[in-house]
PDB file of N, CA and C in Angstrom:
ATOM      1  N   MET A   1     -16.310  80.073 -28.893  1.00  0.00           N
ATOM      2  CA  MET A   1     -17.242  79.181 -28.237  1.00  0.00           C
ATOM      3  C   MET A   1     -16.714  78.758 -26.835  1.00  0.00           C
ATOM      4  N   ILE A   2     -15.393  78.594 -26.756  1.00  0.00           N
ATOM      5  CA  ILE A   2     -14.810  78.235 -25.465  1.00  0.00           C
ATOM      6  C   ILE A   2     -14.982  79.365 -24.467  1.00  0.00           C
ATOM      7  N   LEU A   3     -14.808  80.592 -24.929  1.00  0.00           N
ATOM      8  CA  LEU A   3     -14.971  81.746 -24.041  1.00  0.00           C
ATOM      9  C   LEU A   3     -16.429  81.847 -23.548  1.00  0.00           C
ATOM     10  N   ALA A   4     -17.372  81.634 -24.403  1.00  0.00           N
ATOM     11  CA  ALA A   4     -18.779  81.711 -24.041  1.00  0.00           C
ATOM     12  C   ALA A   4     -19.117  80.653 -23.004  1.00  0.00           C
ATOM     13  N   LEU A   5     -18.663  79.426 -23.223  1.00  0.00           N
ATOM     14  CA  LEU A   5     -18.933  78.351 -22.260  1.00  0.00           C
ATOM     15  C   LEU A   5     -18.234  78.573 -20.935  1.00  0.00           C
ATOM     16  N   SER A   6     -17.026  79.154 -21.001  1.00  0.00           N
ATOM     17  CA  SER A   6     -16.301  79.473 -19.753  1.00  0.00           C
ATOM     18  C   SER A   6     -17.016  80.532 -18.951  1.00  0.00           C
ATOM     19  N   ILE A   7     -17.522  81.557 -19.604  1.00  0.00           N
ATOM     20  CA  ILE A   7     -18.290  82.620 -18.902  1.00  0.00           C
ATOM     21  C   ILE A   7     -19.551  82.049 -18.311  1.00  0.00           C
ATOM     22  N   LEU A   8     -20.279  81.232 -19.081  1.00  0.00           N
ATOM     23  CA  LEU A   8     -21.490  80.601 -18.590  1.00  0.00           C
ATOM     24  C   LEU A   8     -21.178  79.684 -17.408  1.00  0.00           C
ATOM     25  N   LEU A   9     -20.063  78.983 -17.461  1.00  0.00           N
ATOM     26  CA  LEU A   9     -19.669  78.085 -16.377  1.00  0.00           C
ATOM     27  C   LEU A   9     -19.410  78.874 -15.088  1.00  0.00           C
ATOM     28  N   VAL A  10     -18.761  80.025 -15.199  1.00  0.00           N
ATOM     29  CA  VAL A  10     -18.475  80.841 -14.029  1.00  0.00           C
ATOM     30  C   VAL A  10     -19.782  81.379 -13.428  1.00  0.00           C
ATOM     31  N   LEU A  11     -20.676  81.860 -14.289  1.00  0.00           N
ATOM     32  CA  LEU A  11     -21.951  82.388 -13.811  1.00  0.00           C
ATOM     33  C   LEU A  11     -22.803  81.322 -13.128  1.00  0.00           C
ATOM     34  N   VAL A  12     -22.889  80.142 -13.732  1.00  0.00           N
ATOM     35  CA  VAL A  12     -23.678  79.067 -13.137  1.00  0.00           C
ATOM     36  C   VAL A  12     -23.037  78.575 -11.868  1.00  0.00           C
ATOM     37  N   SER A  13     -21.705  78.577 -11.793  1.00  0.00           N
ATOM     38  CA  SER A  13     -21.020  78.195 -10.557  1.00  0.00           C
ATOM     39  C   SER A  13     -21.334  79.135  -9.401  1.00  0.00           C
ATOM     40  N   LEU A  14     -21.363  80.438  -9.715  1.00  0.00           N
ATOM     41  CA  LEU A  14     -21.732  81.427  -8.680  1.00  0.00           C
ATOM     42  C   LEU A  14     -23.197  81.254  -8.274  1.00  0.00           C
ATOM     43  N   LEU A  15     -24.059  80.943  -9.228  1.00  0.00           N
ATOM     44  CA  LEU A  15     -25.465  80.696  -8.884  1.00  0.00           C
ATOM     45  C   LEU A  15     -25.599  79.472  -7.984  1.00  0.00           C
ATOM     46  N   LEU A  16     -24.846  78.429  -8.286  1.00  0.00           N
ATOM     47  CA  LEU A  16     -24.909  77.233  -7.446  1.00  0.00           C
ATOM     48  C   LEU A  16     -24.401  77.483  -6.030  1.00  0.00           C
ATOM     49  N   ILE A  17     -23.413  78.366  -5.899  1.00  0.00           N
ATOM     50  CA  ILE A  17     -22.919  78.694  -4.560  1.00  0.00           C
ATOM     51  C   ILE A  17     -24.021  79.386  -3.768  1.00  0.00           C
ATOM     52  N   VAL A  18     -24.754  80.289  -4.405  1.00  0.00           N
ATOM     53  CA  VAL A  18     -25.835  80.973  -3.725  1.00  0.00           C
ATOM     54  C   VAL A  18     -26.994  80.028  -3.383  1.00  0.00           C
ATOM     55  N   LEU A  19     -27.236  79.052  -4.229  1.00  0.00           N
ATOM     56  CA  LEU A  19     -28.357  78.147  -4.060  1.00  0.00           C
ATOM     57  C   LEU A  19     -28.069  77.019  -3.076  1.00  0.00           C
ATOM     58  N   LEU A  20     -26.866  76.930  -2.521  1.00  0.00           N
ATOM     59  CA  LEU A  20     -26.605  75.892  -1.561  1.00  0.00           C
ATOM     60  C   LEU A  20     -27.540  76.076  -0.355  1.00  0.00           C
ATOM     61  N   HIS A  21     -28.283  75.070  -0.067  1.00  0.00           N
ATOM     62  CA  HIS A  21     -29.237  75.175   1.031  1.00  0.00           C
ATOM     63  C   HIS A  21     -29.557  73.816   1.571  1.00  0.00           C
ATOM     64  N   ARG A  22     -29.946  73.803   2.825  1.00  0.00           N
ATOM     65  CA  ARG A  22     -30.403  72.562   3.425  1.00  0.00           C
ATOM     66  C   ARG A  22     -31.889  72.384   3.156  1.00  0.00           C
ATOM     67  N   GLY A  23     -32.421  71.204   3.360  1.00  0.00           N
ATOM     68  CA  GLY A  23     -33.798  70.938   3.062  1.00  0.00           C
ATOM     69  C   GLY A  23     -34.797  71.753   3.844  1.00  0.00           C
ATOM     70  N   LYS A  24     -34.485  72.061   5.086  1.00  0.00           N
ATOM     71  CA  LYS A  24     -35.398  72.819   5.919  1.00  0.00           C
ATOM     72  C   LYS A  24     -34.954  74.256   6.165  1.00  0.00           C
ATOM     73  N   GLY A  25     -34.192  74.813   5.252  1.00  0.00           N
ATOM     74  CA  GLY A  25     -33.755  76.185   5.388  1.00  0.00           C
ATOM     75  C   GLY A  25     -32.484  76.285   6.211  1.00  0.00           C
ATOM     76  N   GLY A  26     -32.018  77.466   6.414  1.00  0.00           N
ATOM     77  CA  GLY A  26     -30.818  77.665   7.209  1.00  0.00           C
ATOM     78  C   GLY A  26     -29.568  77.709   6.402  1.00  0.00           C
ATOM     79  N   GLY A  27     -29.681  77.515   5.087  1.00  0.00           N
ATOM     80  CA  GLY A  27     -28.500  77.560   4.227  1.00  0.00           C
ATOM     81  C   GLY A  27     -28.258  78.959   3.689  1.00  0.00           C
ATOM     82  N   LEU A  28     -27.420  79.048   2.679  1.00  0.00           N
ATOM     83  CA  LEU A  28     -27.097  80.348   2.099  1.00  0.00           C
ATOM     84  C   LEU A  28     -28.321  81.015   1.475  1.00  0.00           C
ATOM     85  N   SER A  29     -29.193  80.208   0.883  1.00  0.00           N
ATOM     86  CA  SER A  29     -30.339  80.804   0.204  1.00  0.00           C
ATOM     87  C   SER A  29     -31.280  81.535   1.174  1.00  0.00           C
ATOM     88  N   SER A  30     -31.466  80.985   2.360  1.00  0.00           N
ATOM     89  CA  SER A  30     -32.332  81.669   3.319  1.00  0.00           C
ATOM     90  C   SER A  30     -31.640  82.878   3.911  1.00  0.00           C
ATOM     91  N   MET A  31     -30.316  82.837   4.020  1.00  0.00           N
ATOM     92  CA  MET A  31     -29.561  83.979   4.523  1.00  0.00           C
ATOM     93  C   MET A  31     -29.627  85.142   3.558  1.00  0.00           C
ATOM     94  N   LEU A  32     -29.741  84.864   2.265  1.00  0.00           N
ATOM     95  CA  LEU A  32     -29.751  85.890   1.236  1.00  0.00           C
ATOM     96  C   LEU A  32     -31.139  86.273   0.767  1.00  0.00           C
ATOM     97  N   GLY A  33     -32.173  86.027   1.571  1.00  0.00           N
ATOM     98  CA  GLY A  33     -33.506  86.488   1.243  1.00  0.00           C
ATOM     99  C   GLY A  33     -34.515  85.397   1.088  1.00  0.00           C
ATOM    100  N   GLY A  34     -34.140  84.129   1.194  1.00  0.00           N
ATOM    101  CA  GLY A  34     -35.099  83.075   1.066  1.00  0.00           C
ATOM    102  C   GLY A  34     -36.113  83.067   2.199  1.00  0.00           C
ATOM    103  N   SER A  35     -35.723  83.481   3.384  1.00  0.00           N
ATOM    104  CA  SER A  35     -36.637  83.480   4.525  1.00  0.00           C
ATOM    105  C   SER A  35     -37.709  84.535   4.328  1.00  0.00           C
ATOM    106  N   PHE A  36     -37.392  85.638   3.641  1.00  0.00           N
ATOM    107  CA  PHE A  36     -38.372  86.658   3.378  1.00  0.00           C
ATOM    108  C   PHE A  36     -39.507  86.091   2.489  1.00  0.00           C
ATOM    109  N   TYR A  37     -39.106  85.374   1.476  1.00  0.00           N
ATOM    110  CA  TYR A  37     -40.105  84.819   0.562  1.00  0.00           C
ATOM    111  C   TYR A  37     -40.868  83.697   1.198  1.00  0.00           C
ATOM    112  N   SER A  38     -40.270  82.964   2.075  1.00  0.00           N
ATOM    113  CA  SER A  38     -40.981  81.874   2.722  1.00  0.00           C
ATOM    114  C   SER A  38     -41.999  82.416   3.709  1.00  0.00           C
ATOM    115  N   ASN A  39     -41.835  83.630   4.217  1.00  0.00           N
ATOM    116  CA  ASN A  39     -42.854  84.248   5.064  1.00  0.00           C
ATOM    117  C   ASN A  39     -44.027  84.713   4.269  1.00  0.00           C
ATOM    118  N   LEU A  40     -43.844  85.084   3.002  1.00  0.00           N
ATOM    119  CA  LEU A  40     -44.932  85.571   2.174  1.00  0.00           C
ATOM    120  C   LEU A  40     -45.797  84.428   1.654  1.00  0.00           C
ATOM    121  N   SER A  41     -45.191  83.330   1.288  1.00  0.00           N
ATOM    122  CA  SER A  41     -45.945  82.197   0.786  1.00  0.00           C
ATOM    123  C   SER A  41     -45.504  80.947   1.551  1.00  0.00           C
ATOM    124  N   GLY A  42     -46.088  79.823   1.200  1.00  0.00           N
ATOM    125  CA  GLY A  42     -45.721  78.585   1.858  1.00  0.00           C
ATOM    126  C   GLY A  42     -44.295  78.216   1.660  1.00  0.00           C
ATOM    127  N   SER A  43     -43.630  77.788   2.672  1.00  0.00           N
ATOM    128  CA  SER A  43     -42.193  77.479   2.556  1.00  0.00           C
ATOM    129  C   SER A  43     -41.963  76.280   1.625  1.00  0.00           C
ATOM    130  N   SER A  44     -42.944  75.385   1.531  1.00  0.00           N
ATOM    131  CA  SER A  44     -42.774  74.233   0.668  1.00  0.00           C
ATOM    132  C   SER A  44     -42.726  74.638  -0.799  1.00  0.00           C
ATOM    133  N   VAL A  45     -43.455  75.681  -1.187  1.00  0.00           N
ATOM    134  CA  VAL A  45     -43.447  76.149  -2.554  1.00  0.00           C
ATOM    135  C   VAL A  45     -42.076  76.755  -2.870  1.00  0.00           C
ATOM    136  N   VAL A  46     -41.567  77.555  -1.940  1.00  0.00           N
ATOM    137  CA  VAL A  46     -40.266  78.175  -2.144  1.00  0.00           C
ATOM    138  C   VAL A  46     -39.169  77.123  -2.204  1.00  0.00           C
ATOM    139  N   GLU A  47     -39.253  76.124  -1.327  1.00  0.00           N
ATOM    140  CA  GLU A  47     -38.241  75.074  -1.311  1.00  0.00           C
ATOM    141  C   GLU A  47     -38.267  74.281  -2.634  1.00  0.00           C
ATOM    142  N   ARG A  48     -39.472  73.993  -3.118  1.00  0.00           N
ATOM    143  CA  ARG A  48     -39.562  73.271  -4.394  1.00  0.00           C
ATOM    144  C   ARG A  48     -38.986  74.085  -5.533  1.00  0.00           C
ATOM    145  N   ASN A  49     -39.273  75.381  -5.543  1.00  0.00           N
ATOM    146  CA  ASN A  49     -38.713  76.241  -6.611  1.00  0.00           C
ATOM    147  C   ASN A  49     -37.182  76.316  -6.495  1.00  0.00           C
ATOM    148  N   LEU A  50     -36.665  76.456  -5.294  1.00  0.00           N
ATOM    149  CA  LEU A  50     -35.217  76.476  -5.130  1.00  0.00           C
ATOM    150  C   LEU A  50     -34.589  75.151  -5.544  1.00  0.00           C
ATOM    151  N   ASP A  51     -35.248  74.054  -5.226  1.00  0.00           N
ATOM    152  CA  ASP A  51     -34.726  72.730  -5.643  1.00  0.00           C
ATOM    153  C   ASP A  51     -34.723  72.621  -7.171  1.00  0.00           C
ATOM    154  N   ARG A  52     -35.771  73.081  -7.817  1.00  0.00           N
ATOM    155  CA  ARG A  52     -35.838  73.011  -9.272  1.00  0.00           C
ATOM    156  C   ARG A  52     -34.768  73.887  -9.909  1.00  0.00           C
ATOM    157  N   ILE A  53     -34.568  75.059  -9.402  1.00  0.00           N
ATOM    158  CA  ILE A  53     -33.549  75.969  -9.947  1.00  0.00           C
ATOM    159  C   ILE A  53     -32.177  75.350  -9.733  1.00  0.00           C
ATOM    160  N   THR A  54     -31.954  74.730  -8.556  1.00  0.00           N
ATOM    161  CA  THR A  54     -30.674  74.102  -8.267  1.00  0.00           C
ATOM    162  C   THR A  54     -30.403  72.947  -9.215  1.00  0.00           C
ATOM    163  N   VAL A  55     -31.390  72.113  -9.497  1.00  0.00           N
ATOM    164  CA  VAL A  55     -31.206  71.008 -10.410  1.00  0.00           C
ATOM    165  C   VAL A  55     -30.930  71.470 -11.824  1.00  0.00           C
ATOM    166  N   ILE A  56     -31.679  72.488 -12.259  1.00  0.00           N
ATOM    167  CA  ILE A  56     -31.469  73.031 -13.597  1.00  0.00           C
ATOM    168  C   ILE A  56     -30.078  73.636 -13.723  1.00  0.00           C
ATOM    169  N   ALA A  57     -29.629  74.386 -12.700  1.00  0.00           N
ATOM    170  CA  ALA A  57     -28.313  74.992 -12.707  1.00  0.00           C
ATOM    171  C   ALA A  57     -27.234  73.882 -12.703  1.00  0.00           C
ATOM    172  N   GLY A  58     -27.454  72.822 -11.956  1.00  0.00           N
ATOM    173  CA  GLY A  58     -26.523  71.713 -11.949  1.00  0.00           C
ATOM    174  C   GLY A  58     -26.391  71.028 -13.300  1.00  0.00           C
ATOM    175  N   LEU A  59     -27.523  70.901 -13.975  1.00  0.00           N
ATOM    176  CA  LEU A  59     -27.491  70.301 -15.320  1.00  0.00           C
ATOM    177  C   LEU A  59     -26.779  71.198 -16.305  1.00  0.00           C
ATOM    178  N   VAL A  60     -27.032  72.513 -16.253  1.00  0.00           N
ATOM    179  CA  VAL A  60     -26.336  73.440 -17.115  1.00  0.00           C
ATOM    180  C   VAL A  60     -24.815  73.400 -16.831  1.00  0.00           C
ATOM    181  N   TRP A  61     -24.469  73.342 -15.552  1.00  0.00           N
ATOM    182  CA  TRP A  61     -23.071  73.281 -15.168  1.00  0.00           C
ATOM    183  C   TRP A  61     -22.407  72.034 -15.739  1.00  0.00           C
ATOM    184  N   SER A  62     -23.107  70.888 -15.637  1.00  0.00           N
ATOM    185  CA  SER A  62     -22.546  69.637 -16.145  1.00  0.00           C
ATOM    186  C   SER A  62     -22.392  69.679 -17.661  1.00  0.00           C
ATOM    187  N   ILE A  63     -23.368  70.239 -18.347  1.00  0.00           N
ATOM    188  CA  ILE A  63     -23.271  70.348 -19.803  1.00  0.00           C
ATOM    189  C   ILE A  63     -22.120  71.252 -20.218  1.00  0.00           C
ATOM    190  N   CYS A  64     -21.916  72.339 -19.466  1.00  0.00           N
ATOM    191  CA  CYS A  64     -20.753  73.241 -19.755  1.00  0.00           C
ATOM    192  C   CYS A  64     -19.461  72.508 -19.561  1.00  0.00           C
ATOM    193  N   ILE A  65     -19.329  71.713 -18.523  1.00  0.00           N
ATOM    194  CA  ILE A  65     -18.085  70.987 -18.267  1.00  0.00           C
ATOM    195  C   ILE A  65     -17.819  70.006 -19.398  1.00  0.00           C
ATOM    196  N   VAL A  66     -18.851  69.261 -19.822  1.00  0.00           N
ATOM    197  CA  VAL A  66     -18.658  68.259 -20.880  1.00  0.00           C
ATOM    198  C   VAL A  66     -18.356  68.980 -22.191  1.00  0.00           C
ATOM    199  N   GLY A  67     -19.051  70.077 -22.448  1.00  0.00           N
ATOM    200  CA  GLY A  67     -18.835  70.817 -23.701  1.00  0.00           C
ATOM    201  C   GLY A  67     -17.437  71.390 -23.763  1.00  0.00           C
ATOM    202  N   LEU A  68     -16.958  71.971 -22.650  1.00  0.00           N
ATOM    203  CA  LEU A  68     -15.613  72.476 -22.633  1.00  0.00           C
ATOM    204  C   LEU A  68     -14.580  71.385 -22.802  1.00  0.00           C
ATOM    205  N   GLY A  69     -14.826  70.241 -22.181  1.00  0.00           N
ATOM    206  CA  GLY A  69     -13.892  69.098 -22.332  1.00  0.00           C
ATOM    207  C   GLY A  69     -13.820  68.634 -23.779  1.00  0.00           C
ATOM    208  N   LEU A  70     -14.965  68.550 -24.437  1.00  0.00           N
ATOM    209  CA  LEU A  70     -14.969  68.152 -25.865  1.00  0.00           C
ATOM    210  C   LEU A  70     -14.304  69.187 -26.751  1.00  0.00           C
ATOM    211  N   LEU A  71     -14.557  70.467 -26.462  1.00  0.00           N
ATOM    212  CA  LEU A  71     -13.934  71.520 -27.281  1.00  0.00           C
ATOM    213  C   LEU A  71     -12.417  71.547 -27.107  1.00  0.00           C
ATOM    214  N   TYR A  72     -11.947  71.351 -25.863  1.00  0.00           N
ATOM    215  CA  TYR A  72     -10.497  71.333 -25.645  1.00  0.00           C
ATOM    216  C   TYR A  72      -9.873  70.065 -26.271  1.00  0.00           C
ATOM    217  N   LYS A  73     -10.603  68.991 -26.250  1.00  0.00           N
ATOM    218  CA  LYS A  73     -10.092  67.754 -26.861  1.00  0.00           C
ATOM    219  C   LYS A  73      -9.978  67.878 -28.365  1.00  0.00           C
ATOM    220  N   ASN A  74     -10.995  68.494 -28.975  1.00  0.00           N
ATOM    221  CA  ASN A  74     -10.975  68.668 -30.430  1.00  0.00           C
ATOM    222  C   ASN A  74     -10.021  69.753 -30.887  1.00  0.00           C
ATOM    223  N   GLN A  75      -9.671  70.650 -29.969  1.00  0.00           N
ATOM    224  CA  GLN A  75      -8.708  71.724 -30.293  1.00  0.00           C
ATOM    225  C   GLN A  75      -7.293  71.183 -30.398  1.00  0.00           C
ATOM    226  N   GLY A  76      -7.063  70.046 -29.756  1.00  0.00           N
ATOM    227  CA  GLY A  76      -5.739  69.428 -29.853  1.00  0.00           C
ATOM    228  C   GLY A  76      -4.771  69.902 -28.760  1.00  0.00           C
ATOM    229  N   GLY A  77      -5.294  70.523 -27.769  1.00  0.00           N
ATOM    230  CA  GLY A  77      -4.413  71.009 -26.721  1.00  0.00           C
ATOM    231  C   GLY A  77      -4.881  70.602 -25.433  1.00  0.00           C
TER     232      GLY A  77
END
């Protein structure tokens, strides 16, 4: 279980690094293709979706940290 949470934590951490962005673009997400999608549809829709994905990834990251902490505490080490 610890290994699964650790792998999930690494993957979500990498996702959060990619999702770092400023409110009006210009961050990593626009550099990696976000500007392409904002040209196809309204930029406000893309920004809202990026914000939602970022919040969800942040929550998953937080749950992984708490879960790993509890597992390590119960393991006795």
